[in-house]
Amino acid sequence: PLSPTAMEAIDVYSESVTFLTGCGSDPLMGVQYGRDLGLAVFGE
């Protein structure tokens, strides 16, 4: 959920995050940019 502008690494996310969240390295799902269509509820 964090912006690339706040990440320390130039290649942004870790390998595990890139693969498991759909940021692009999982060929089964293709490049998803870590985003999807849906509904959410949140709060604090």
All heavy atoms as atom14 arrays in JSON, in Angstrom:
{
  "sequence": "PLSPTAMEAIDVYSESVTFLTGCGSDPLMGVQYGRDLGLAVFGE",
  "atom14_mask": [
    [1, 1, 1, 1, 1, 1, 1, 0, 0, 0, 0, 0, 0, 0],
    [1, 1, 1, 1, 1, 1, 1, 1, 0, 0, 0, 0, 0, 0],
    [1, 1, 1, 1, 1, 1, 0, 0, 0, 0, 0, 0, 0, 0],
    [1, 1, 1, 1, 1, 1, 1, 0, 0, 0, 0, 0, 0, 0],
    [1, 1, 1, 1, 1, 1, 1, 0, 0, 0, 0, 0, 0, 0],
    [1, 1, 1, 1, 1, 0, 0, 0, 0, 0, 0, 0, 0, 0],
    [1, 1, 1, 1, 1, 1, 1, 1, 0, 0, 0, 0, 0, 0],
    [1, 1, 1, 1, 1, 1, 1, 1, 1, 0, 0, 0, 0, 0],
    [1, 1, 1, 1, 1, 0, 0, 0, 0, 0, 0, 0, 0, 0],
    [1, 1, 1, 1, 1, 1, 1, 1, 0, 0, 0, 0, 0, 0],
    [1, 1, 1, 1, 1, 1, 1, 1, 0, 0, 0, 0, 0, 0],
    [1, 1, 1, 1, 1, 1, 1, 0, 0, 0, 0, 0, 0, 0],
    [1, 1, 1, 1, 1, 1, 1, 1, 1, 1, 1, 1, 0, 0],
    [1, 1, 1, 1, 1, 1, 0, 0, 0, 0, 0, 0, 0, 0],
    [1, 1, 1, 1, 1, 1, 1, 1, 1, 0, 0, 0, 0, 0],
    [1, 1, 1, 1, 1, 1, 0, 0, 0, 0, 0, 0, 0, 0],
    [1, 1, 1, 1, 1, 1, 1, 0, 0, 0, 0, 0, 0, 0],
    [1, 1, 1, 1, 1, 1, 1, 0, 0, 0, 0, 0, 0, 0],
    [1, 1, 1, 1, 1, 1, 1, 1, 1, 1, 1, 0, 0, 0],
    [1, 1, 1, 1, 1, 1, 1, 1, 0, 0, 0, 0, 0, 0],
    [1, 1, 1, 1, 1, 1, 1, 0, 0, 0, 0, 0, 0, 0],
    [1, 1, 1, 1, 0, 0, 0, 0, 0, 0, 0, 0, 0, 0],
    [1, 1, 1, 1, 1, 1, 0, 0, 0, 0, 0, 0, 0, 0],
    [1, 1, 1, 1, 0, 0, 0, 0, 0, 0, 0, 0, 0, 0],
    [1, 1, 1, 1, 1, 1, 0, 0, 0, 0, 0, 0, 0, 0],
    [1, 1, 1, 1, 1, 1, 1, 1, 0, 0, 0, 0, 0, 0],
    [1, 1, 1, 1, 1, 1, 1, 0, 0, 0, 0, 0, 0, 0],
    [1, 1, 1, 1, 1, 1, 1, 1, 0, 0, 0, 0, 0, 0],
    [1, 1, 1, 1, 1, 1, 1, 1, 0, 0, 0, 0, 0, 0],
    [1, 1, 1, 1, 0, 0, 0, 0, 0, 0, 0, 0, 0, 0],
    [1, 1, 1, 1, 1, 1, 1, 0, 0, 0, 0, 0, 0, 0],
    [1, 1, 1, 1, 1, 1, 1, 1, 1, 0, 0, 0, 0, 0],
    [1, 1, 1, 1, 1, 1, 1, 1, 1, 1, 1, 1, 0, 0],
    [1, 1, 1, 1, 0, 0, 0, 0, 0, 0, 0, 0, 0, 0],
    [1, 1, 1, 1, 1, 1, 1, 1, 1, 1, 1, 0, 0, 0],
    [1, 1, 1, 1, 1, 1, 1, 1, 0, 0, 0, 0, 0, 0],
    [1, 1, 1, 1, 1, 1, 1, 1, 0, 0, 0, 0, 0, 0],
    [1, 1, 1, 1, 0, 0, 0, 0, 0, 0, 0, 0, 0, 0],
    [1, 1, 1, 1, 1, 1, 1, 1, 0, 0, 0, 0, 0, 0],
    [1, 1, 1, 1, 1, 0, 0, 0, 0, 0, 0, 0, 0, 0],
    [1, 1, 1, 1, 1, 1, 1, 0, 0, 0, 0, 0, 0, 0],
    [1, 1, 1, 1, 1, 1, 1, 1, 1, 1, 1, 0, 0, 0],
    [1, 1, 1, 1, 0, 0, 0, 0, 0, 0, 0, 0, 0, 0],
    [1, 1, 1, 1, 1, 1, 1, 1, 1, 0, 0, 0, 0, 0]
  ],
  "atom14_positions": [
    [[0.8, -1.23, 0.0], [0.0, 0.0, 0.0], [0.83, 1.29, 0.0], [0.28, 2.37, -0.19], [-0.82, -0.11, 1.3], [-0.83, -1.57, 1.63], [0.51, -2.06, 1.19], [0.0, 0.0, 0.0], [0.0, 0.0, 0.0], [0.0, 0.0, 0.0], [0.0, 0.0, 0.0], [0.0, 0.0, 0.0], [0.0, 0.0, 0.0], [0.0, 0.0, 0.0]],
    [[2.15, 1.19, 0.23], [2.99, 2.37, 0.34], [3.37, 2.91, -1.05], [3.51, 2.16, -2.01], [4.25, 2.06, 1.13], [4.05, 1.53, 2.55], [5.39, 1.21, 3.2], [3.28, 2.53, 3.4], [0.0, 0.0, 0.0], [0.0, 0.0, 0.0], [0.0, 0.0, 0.0], [0.0, 0.0, 0.0], [0.0, 0.0, 0.0], [0.0, 0.0, 0.0]],
    [[3.57, 4.21, -1.14], [3.97, 4.86, -2.39], [5.44, 4.59, -2.68], [6.27, 4.59, -1.76], [3.73, 6.36, -2.3], [4.36, 7.03, -3.38], [0.0, 0.0, 0.0], [0.0, 0.0, 0.0], [0.0, 0.0, 0.0], [0.0, 0.0, 0.0], [0.0, 0.0, 0.0], [0.0, 0.0, 0.0], [0.0, 0.0, 0.0], [0.0, 0.0, 0.0]],
    [[5.82, 4.4, -3.96], [7.24, 4.27, -4.31], [8.07, 5.48, -3.88], [9.27, 5.36, -3.7], [7.2, 4.16, -5.84], [5.87, 3.54, -6.14], [4.93, 4.14, -5.12], [0.0, 0.0, 0.0], [0.0, 0.0, 0.0], [0.0, 0.0, 0.0], [0.0, 0.0, 0.0], [0.0, 0.0, 0.0], [0.0, 0.0, 0.0], [0.0, 0.0, 0.0]],
    [[7.44, 6.64, -3.72], [8.18, 7.83, -3.31], [8.64, 7.75, -1.86], [9.48, 8.54, -1.43], [7.32, 9.1, -3.48], [6.14, 9.0, -2.67], [6.92, 9.29, -4.92], [0.0, 0.0, 0.0], [0.0, 0.0, 0.0], [0.0, 0.0, 0.0], [0.0, 0.0, 0.0], [0.0, 0.0, 0.0], [0.0, 0.0, 0.0], [0.0, 0.0, 0.0]],
    [[8.08, 6.8, -1.09], [8.47, 6.65, 0.32], [9.36, 5.44, 0.56], [9.84, 5.24, 1.67], [7.22, 6.53, 1.19], [0.0, 0.0, 0.0], [0.0, 0.0, 0.0], [0.0, 0.0, 0.0], [0.0, 0.0, 0.0], [0.0, 0.0, 0.0], [0.0, 0.0, 0.0], [0.0, 0.0, 0.0], [0.0, 0.0, 0.0], [0.0, 0.0, 0.0]],
    [[9.59, 4.62, -0.47], [10.37, 3.4, -0.33], [11.87, 3.69, -0.45], [12.28, 4.56, -1.23], [9.95, 2.37, -1.38], [8.47, 2.01, -1.33], [7.97, 1.34, 0.27], [8.9, -0.19, 0.28], [0.0, 0.0, 0.0], [0.0, 0.0, 0.0], [0.0, 0.0, 0.0], [0.0, 0.0, 0.0], [0.0, 0.0, 0.0], [0.0, 0.0, 0.0]],
    [[12.67, 2.94, 0.29], [14.11, 3.16, 0.28], [14.78, 2.64, -0.99], [15.72, 3.25, -1.5], [14.76, 2.49, 1.5], [14.36, 3.07, 2.84], [13.13, 2.41, 3.44], [12.43, 1.68, 2.7], [12.88, 2.62, 4.63], [0.0, 0.0, 0.0], [0.0, 0.0, 0.0], [0.0, 0.0, 0.0], [0.0, 0.0, 0.0], [0.0, 0.0, 0.0]],
    [[14.32, 1.48, -1.49], [14.97, 0.84, -2.63], [14.53, 1.46, -3.95], [13.35, 1.79, -4.14], [14.66, -0.65, -2.64], [0.0, 0.0, 0.0], [0.0, 0.0, 0.0], [0.0, 0.0, 0.0], [0.0, 0.0, 0.0], [0.0, 0.0, 0.0], [0.0, 0.0, 0.0], [0.0, 0.0, 0.0], [0.0, 0.0, 0.0], [0.0, 0.0, 0.0]],
    [[15.47, 1.6, -4.89], [15.15, 2.13, -6.2], [14.21, 1.19, -6.95], [13.29, 1.63, -7.65], [16.43, 2.39, -7.01], [17.21, 3.56, -6.39], [16.11, 2.68, -8.48], [18.54, 3.84, -7.05], [0.0, 0.0, 0.0], [0.0, 0.0, 0.0], [0.0, 0.0, 0.0], [0.0, 0.0, 0.0], [0.0, 0.0, 0.0], [0.0, 0.0, 0.0]],
    [[14.43, -0.14, -6.78], [13.52, -1.08, -7.41], [12.31, -1.36, -6.53], [11.58, -2.33, -6.71], [14.23, -2.38, -7.81], [14.91, -3.07, -6.65], [14.85, -2.55, -5.53], [15.5, -4.15, -6.87], [0.0, 0.0, 0.0], [0.0, 0.0, 0.0], [0.0, 0.0, 0.0], [0.0, 0.0, 0.0], [0.0, 0.0, 0.0], [0.0, 0.0, 0.0]],
    [[12.08, -0.5, -5.57], [10.87, -0.34, -4.76], [10.66, -1.49, -3.77], [11.22, -1.47, -2.67], [9.62, -0.12, -5.62], [8.43, 0.29, -4.74], [9.87, 0.99, -6.65], [0.0, 0.0, 0.0], [0.0, 0.0, 0.0], [0.0, 0.0, 0.0], [0.0, 0.0, 0.0], [0.0, 0.0, 0.0], [0.0, 0.0, 0.0], [0.0, 0.0, 0.0]],
    [[9.88, -2.5, -4.13], [9.44, -3.49, -3.15], [10.34, -4.71, -3.14], [11.1, -4.97, -4.08], [8.0, -3.91, -3.45], [7.05, -2.74, -3.57], [6.41, -2.47, -4.78], [6.81, -1.89, -2.5], [5.55, -1.39, -4.91], [5.95, -0.82, -2.62], [5.32, -0.56, -3.82], [4.47, 0.5, -3.94], [0.0, 0.0, 0.0], [0.0, 0.0, 0.0]],
    [[10.24, -5.49, -2.06], [11.01, -6.72, -1.95], [10.53, -7.74, -2.98], [9.44, -7.61, -3.56], [10.86, -7.31, -0.54], [9.55, -7.8, -0.35], [0.0, 0.0, 0.0], [0.0, 0.0, 0.0], [0.0, 0.0, 0.0], [0.0, 0.0, 0.0], [0.0, 0.0, 0.0], [0.0, 0.0, 0.0], [0.0, 0.0, 0.0], [0.0, 0.0, 0.0]],
    [[11.34, -8.78, -3.22], [10.98, -9.81, -4.19], [9.68, -10.52, -3.78], [8.83, -10.82, -4.62], [12.11, -10.83, -4.32], [13.37, -10.27, -4.93], [13.17, -9.82, -6.38], [12.62, -10.61, -7.17], [13.56, -8.7, -6.7], [0.0, 0.0, 0.0], [0.0, 0.0, 0.0], [0.0, 0.0, 0.0], [0.0, 0.0, 0.0], [0.0, 0.0, 0.0]],
    [[9.54, -10.81, -2.5], [8.35, -11.52, -2.03], [7.09, -10.67, -2.18], [6.03, -11.17, -2.58], [8.53, -11.95, -0.57], [9.02, -10.9, 0.22], [0.0, 0.0, 0.0], [0.0, 0.0, 0.0], [0.0, 0.0, 0.0], [0.0, 0.0, 0.0], [0.0, 0.0, 0.0], [0.0, 0.0, 0.0], [0.0, 0.0, 0.0], [0.0, 0.0, 0.0]],
    [[7.19, -9.38, -1.89], [6.03, -8.48, -2.06], [5.67, -8.35, -3.53], [4.5, -8.41, -3.92], [6.33, -7.11, -1.44], [5.24, -6.1, -1.82], [6.44, -7.21, 0.07], [0.0, 0.0, 0.0], [0.0, 0.0, 0.0], [0.0, 0.0, 0.0], [0.0, 0.0, 0.0], [0.0, 0.0, 0.0], [0.0, 0.0, 0.0], [0.0, 0.0, 0.0]],
    [[6.68, -8.19, -4.38], [6.45, -8.06, -5.82], [5.73, -9.29, -6.38], [4.82, -9.17, -7.21], [7.78, -7.86, -6.56], [8.43, -6.7, -6.06], [7.55, -7.66, -8.06], [0.0, 0.0, 0.0], [0.0, 0.0, 0.0], [0.0, 0.0, 0.0], [0.0, 0.0, 0.0], [0.0, 0.0, 0.0], [0.0, 0.0, 0.0], [0.0, 0.0, 0.0]],
    [[6.12, -10.48, -5.92], [5.52, -11.71, -6.42], [4.13, -11.96, -5.83], [3.18, -12.26, -6.55], [6.44, -12.89, -6.08], [6.02, -14.2, -6.66], [6.41, -14.59, -7.92], [5.2, -15.07, -5.93], [6.02, -15.8, -8.46], [4.79, -16.28, -6.46], [5.21, -16.66, -7.73], [0.0, 0.0, 0.0], [0.0, 0.0, 0.0], [0.0, 0.0, 0.0]],
    [[3.99, -11.83, -4.52], [2.77, -12.26, -3.84], [1.62, -11.25, -3.92], [0.47, -11.62, -3.74], [3.08, -12.58, -2.37], [4.02, -13.78, -2.15], [4.38, -13.91, -0.67], [3.39, -15.07, -2.65], [0.0, 0.0, 0.0], [0.0, 0.0, 0.0], [0.0, 0.0, 0.0], [0.0, 0.0, 0.0], [0.0, 0.0, 0.0], [0.0, 0.0, 0.0]],
    [[1.92, -9.98, -4.17], [0.85, -8.98, -4.23], [0.44, -8.64, -5.65], [-0.46, -7.82, -5.86], [1.28, -7.68, -3.53], [2.36, -7.08, -4.25], [1.71, -7.94, -2.09], [0.0, 0.0, 0.0], [0.0, 0.0, 0.0], [0.0, 0.0, 0.0], [0.0, 0.0, 0.0], [0.0, 0.0, 0.0], [0.0, 0.0, 0.0], [0.0, 0.0, 0.0]],
    [[1.08, -9.26, -6.64], [0.71, -9.0, -8.03], [1.36, -7.77, -8.62], [0.84, -7.2, -9.57], [0.0, 0.0, 0.0], [0.0, 0.0, 0.0], [0.0, 0.0, 0.0], [0.0, 0.0, 0.0], [0.0, 0.0, 0.0], [0.0, 0.0, 0.0], [0.0, 0.0, 0.0], [0.0, 0.0, 0.0], [0.0, 0.0, 0.0], [0.0, 0.0, 0.0]],
    [[2.52, -7.37, -8.08], [3.2, -6.2, -8.64], [3.9, -6.51, -9.97], [4.33, -5.59, -10.64], [4.23, -5.67, -7.64], [3.5, -4.82, -6.23], [0.0, 0.0, 0.0], [0.0, 0.0, 0.0], [0.0, 0.0, 0.0], [0.0, 0.0, 0.0], [0.0, 0.0, 0.0], [0.0, 0.0, 0.0], [0.0, 0.0, 0.0], [0.0, 0.0, 0.0]],
    [[4.04, -7.81, -10.31], [4.54, -8.05, -11.64], [5.37, -9.28, -11.9], [5.56, -9.66, -13.05], [0.0, 0.0, 0.0], [0.0, 0.0, 0.0], [0.0, 0.0, 0.0], [0.0, 0.0, 0.0], [0.0, 0.0, 0.0], [0.0, 0.0, 0.0], [0.0, 0.0, 0.0], [0.0, 0.0, 0.0], [0.0, 0.0, 0.0], [0.0, 0.0, 0.0]],
    [[5.93, -9.96, -10.87], [6.85, -11.05, -11.16], [6.21, -12.43, -11.17], [6.9, -13.42, -11.36], [8.01, -11.03, -10.15], [7.54, -11.24, -8.83], [0.0, 0.0, 0.0], [0.0, 0.0, 0.0], [0.0, 0.0, 0.0], [0.0, 0.0, 0.0], [0.0, 0.0, 0.0], [0.0, 0.0, 0.0], [0.0, 0.0, 0.0], [0.0, 0.0, 0.0]],
    [[4.89, -12.53, -10.95], [4.19, -13.81, -11.01], [3.58, -13.98, -12.4], [2.57, -13.35, -12.72], [3.1, -13.87, -9.94], [2.34, -15.19, -9.95], [2.72, -16.09, -10.72], [1.37, -15.31, -9.18], [0.0, 0.0, 0.0], [0.0, 0.0, 0.0], [0.0, 0.0, 0.0], [0.0, 0.0, 0.0], [0.0, 0.0, 0.0], [0.0, 0.0, 0.0]],
    [[4.15, -14.85, -13.25], [3.63, -15.01, -14.62], [2.19, -15.48, -14.67], [1.47, -15.18, -15.64], [4.57, -16.05, -15.23], [5.82, -15.97, -14.41], [5.36, -15.66, -13.02], [0.0, 0.0, 0.0], [0.0, 0.0, 0.0], [0.0, 0.0, 0.0], [0.0, 0.0, 0.0], [0.0, 0.0, 0.0], [0.0, 0.0, 0.0], [0.0, 0.0, 0.0]],
    [[1.74, -16.23, -13.66], [0.37, -16.73, -13.67], [-0.65, -15.6, -13.71], [-1.72, -15.73, -14.3], [0.1, -17.6, -12.44], [0.86, -18.93, -12.35], [0.57, -19.6, -11.01], [0.47, -19.86, -13.49], [0.0, 0.0, 0.0], [0.0, 0.0, 0.0], [0.0, 0.0, 0.0], [0.0, 0.0, 0.0], [0.0, 0.0, 0.0], [0.0, 0.0, 0.0]],
    [[-0.33, -14.48, -13.07], [-1.27, -13.36, -12.96], [-0.88, -12.15, -13.81], [-1.69, -11.27, -14.05], [-1.4, -12.91, -11.5], [-1.89, -14.0, -10.56], [-3.49, -14.7, -11.06], [-4.55, -13.29, -10.85], [0.0, 0.0, 0.0], [0.0, 0.0, 0.0], [0.0, 0.0, 0.0], [0.0, 0.0, 0.0], [0.0, 0.0, 0.0], [0.0, 0.0, 0.0]],
    [[0.39, -12.1, -14.25], [0.84, -10.97, -15.04], [1.03, -9.73, -14.17], [0.96, -9.78, -12.95], [0.0, 0.0, 0.0], [0.0, 0.0, 0.0], [0.0, 0.0, 0.0], [0.0, 0.0, 0.0], [0.0, 0.0, 0.0], [0.0, 0.0, 0.0], [0.0, 0.0, 0.0], [0.0, 0.0, 0.0], [0.0, 0.0, 0.0], [0.0, 0.0, 0.0]],
    [[1.26, -8.59, -14.82], [1.49, -7.34, -14.11], [0.17, -6.76, -13.62], [-0.7, -6.43, -14.42], [2.21, -6.31, -15.0], [2.44, -5.02, -14.23], [3.55, -6.88, -15.48], [0.0, 0.0, 0.0], [0.0, 0.0, 0.0], [0.0, 0.0, 0.0], [0.0, 0.0, 0.0], [0.0, 0.0, 0.0], [0.0, 0.0, 0.0], [0.0, 0.0, 0.0]],
    [[0.02, -6.65, -12.3], [-1.2, -6.09, -11.71], [-0.94, -4.76, -11.0], [-1.87, -4.11, -10.54], [-1.78, -7.08, -10.7], [-2.18, -8.42, -11.29], [-2.75, -9.34, -10.23], [-2.98, -8.96, -9.09], [-2.96, -10.59, -10.59], [0.0, 0.0, 0.0], [0.0, 0.0, 0.0], [0.0, 0.0, 0.0], [0.0, 0.0, 0.0], [0.0, 0.0, 0.0]],
    [[0.32, -4.37, -10.89], [0.7, -3.14, -10.2], [0.21, -3.13, -8.75], [0.03, -2.05, -8.17], [0.17, -1.91, -10.94], [0.71, -1.78, -12.35], [-0.01, -2.28, -13.43], [1.94, -1.19, -12.59], [0.48, -2.17, -14.73], [2.44, -1.08, -13.88], [1.7, -1.57, -14.95], [2.19, -1.46, -16.23], [0.0, 0.0, 0.0], [0.0, 0.0, 0.0]],
    [[-0.04, -4.31, -8.18], [-0.49, -4.38, -6.79], [-1.87, -3.81, -6.57], [-2.24, -3.48, -5.45], [0.0, 0.0, 0.0], [0.0, 0.0, 0.0], [0.0, 0.0, 0.0], [0.0, 0.0, 0.0], [0.0, 0.0, 0.0], [0.0, 0.0, 0.0], [0.0, 0.0, 0.0], [0.0, 0.0, 0.0], [0.0, 0.0, 0.0], [0.0, 0.0, 0.0]],
    [[-2.66, -3.72, -7.66], [-3.99, -3.1, -7.58], [-5.05, -4.03, -8.15], [-4.76, -4.96, -8.89], [-3.99, -1.77, -8.34], [-3.09, -0.7, -7.72], [-2.97, 0.51, -8.62], [-2.35, 1.64, -7.94], [-1.04, 1.87, -7.91], [-0.2, 1.03, -8.51], [-0.56, 2.93, -7.28], [0.0, 0.0, 0.0], [0.0, 0.0, 0.0], [0.0, 0.0, 0.0]],
    [[-6.3, -3.73, -7.81], [-7.4, -4.57, -8.27], [-8.71, -3.8, -8.16], [-8.77, -2.73, -7.54], [-7.47, -5.84, -7.42], [-8.12, -7.01, -8.14], [-8.69, -6.78, -9.23], [-8.09, -8.12, -7.61], [0.0, 0.0, 0.0], [0.0, 0.0, 0.0], [0.0, 0.0, 0.0], [0.0, 0.0, 0.0], [0.0, 0.0, 0.0], [0.0, 0.0, 0.0]],
    [[-9.74, -4.34, -8.75], [-11.09, -3.75, -8.69], [-11.88, -4.41, -7.57], [-11.88, -5.64, -7.45], [-11.82, -3.97, -10.01], [-11.39, -3.06, -11.17], [-11.72, -3.72, -12.5], [-12.08, -1.72, -11.08], [0.0, 0.0, 0.0], [0.0, 0.0, 0.0], [0.0, 0.0, 0.0], [0.0, 0.0, 0.0], [0.0, 0.0, 0.0], [0.0, 0.0, 0.0]],
    [[-12.54, -3.59, -6.76], [-13.32, -4.18, -5.68], [-13.91, -3.18, -4.71], [-14.03, -1.98, -5.0], [0.0, 0.0, 0.0], [0.0, 0.0, 0.0], [0.0, 0.0, 0.0], [0.0, 0.0, 0.0], [0.0, 0.0, 0.0], [0.0, 0.0, 0.0], [0.0, 0.0, 0.0], [0.0, 0.0, 0.0], [0.0, 0.0, 0.0], [0.0, 0.0, 0.0]],
    [[-14.24, -3.7, -3.55], [-14.89, -2.94, -2.48], [-14.08, -3.12, -1.2], [-13.6, -4.22, -0.91], [-16.32, -3.44, -2.28], [-17.12, -2.87, -1.12], [-17.51, -1.42, -1.41], [-18.37, -3.72, -0.87], [0.0, 0.0, 0.0], [0.0, 0.0, 0.0], [0.0, 0.0, 0.0], [0.0, 0.0, 0.0], [0.0, 0.0, 0.0], [0.0, 0.0, 0.0]],
    [[-13.95, -2.05, -0.42], [-13.21, -2.13, 0.84], [-13.93, -1.35, 1.93], [-14.61, -0.35, 1.65], [-11.79, -1.58, 0.68], [0.0, 0.0, 0.0], [0.0, 0.0, 0.0], [0.0, 0.0, 0.0], [0.0, 0.0, 0.0], [0.0, 0.0, 0.0], [0.0, 0.0, 0.0], [0.0, 0.0, 0.0], [0.0, 0.0, 0.0], [0.0, 0.0, 0.0]],
    [[-13.79, -1.8, 3.15], [-14.2, -1.04, 4.33], [-12.98, -0.93, 5.23], [-12.23, -1.9, 5.4], [-15.38, -1.7, 5.08], [-16.63, -1.66, 4.24], [-15.06, -3.13, 5.48], [0.0, 0.0, 0.0], [0.0, 0.0, 0.0], [0.0, 0.0, 0.0], [0.0, 0.0, 0.0], [0.0, 0.0, 0.0], [0.0, 0.0, 0.0], [0.0, 0.0, 0.0]],
    [[-12.75, 0.25, 5.78], [-11.57, 0.45, 6.63], [-11.85, 1.54, 7.65], [-12.82, 2.31, 7.54], [-10.35, 0.8, 5.78], [-10.49, 2.07, 4.97], [-10.12, 3.3, 5.48], [-11.01, 2.01, 3.68], [-10.25, 4.46, 4.73], [-11.15, 3.16, 2.92], [-10.77, 4.38, 3.45], [0.0, 0.0, 0.0], [0.0, 0.0, 0.0], [0.0, 0.0, 0.0]],
    [[-10.98, 1.61, 8.64], [-11.13, 2.63, 9.67], [-10.06, 2.49, 10.73], [-9.22, 1.58, 10.69], [0.0, 0.0, 0.0], [0.0, 0.0, 0.0], [0.0, 0.0, 0.0], [0.0, 0.0, 0.0], [0.0, 0.0, 0.0], [0.0, 0.0, 0.0], [0.0, 0.0, 0.0], [0.0, 0.0, 0.0], [0.0, 0.0, 0.0], [0.0, 0.0, 0.0]],
    [[-10.1, 3.4, 11.7], [-9.17, 3.36, 12.81], [-9.86, 3.77, 14.11], [-10.81, 4.56, 14.1], [-7.96, 4.24, 12.54], [-8.27, 5.71, 12.31], [-7.02, 6.51, 12.0], [-6.29, 6.14, 11.06], [-6.77, 7.52, 12.71], [0.0, 0.0, 0.0], [0.0, 0.0, 0.0], [0.0, 0.0, 0.0], [0.0, 0.0, 0.0], [0.0, 0.0, 0.0]]
  ]
}
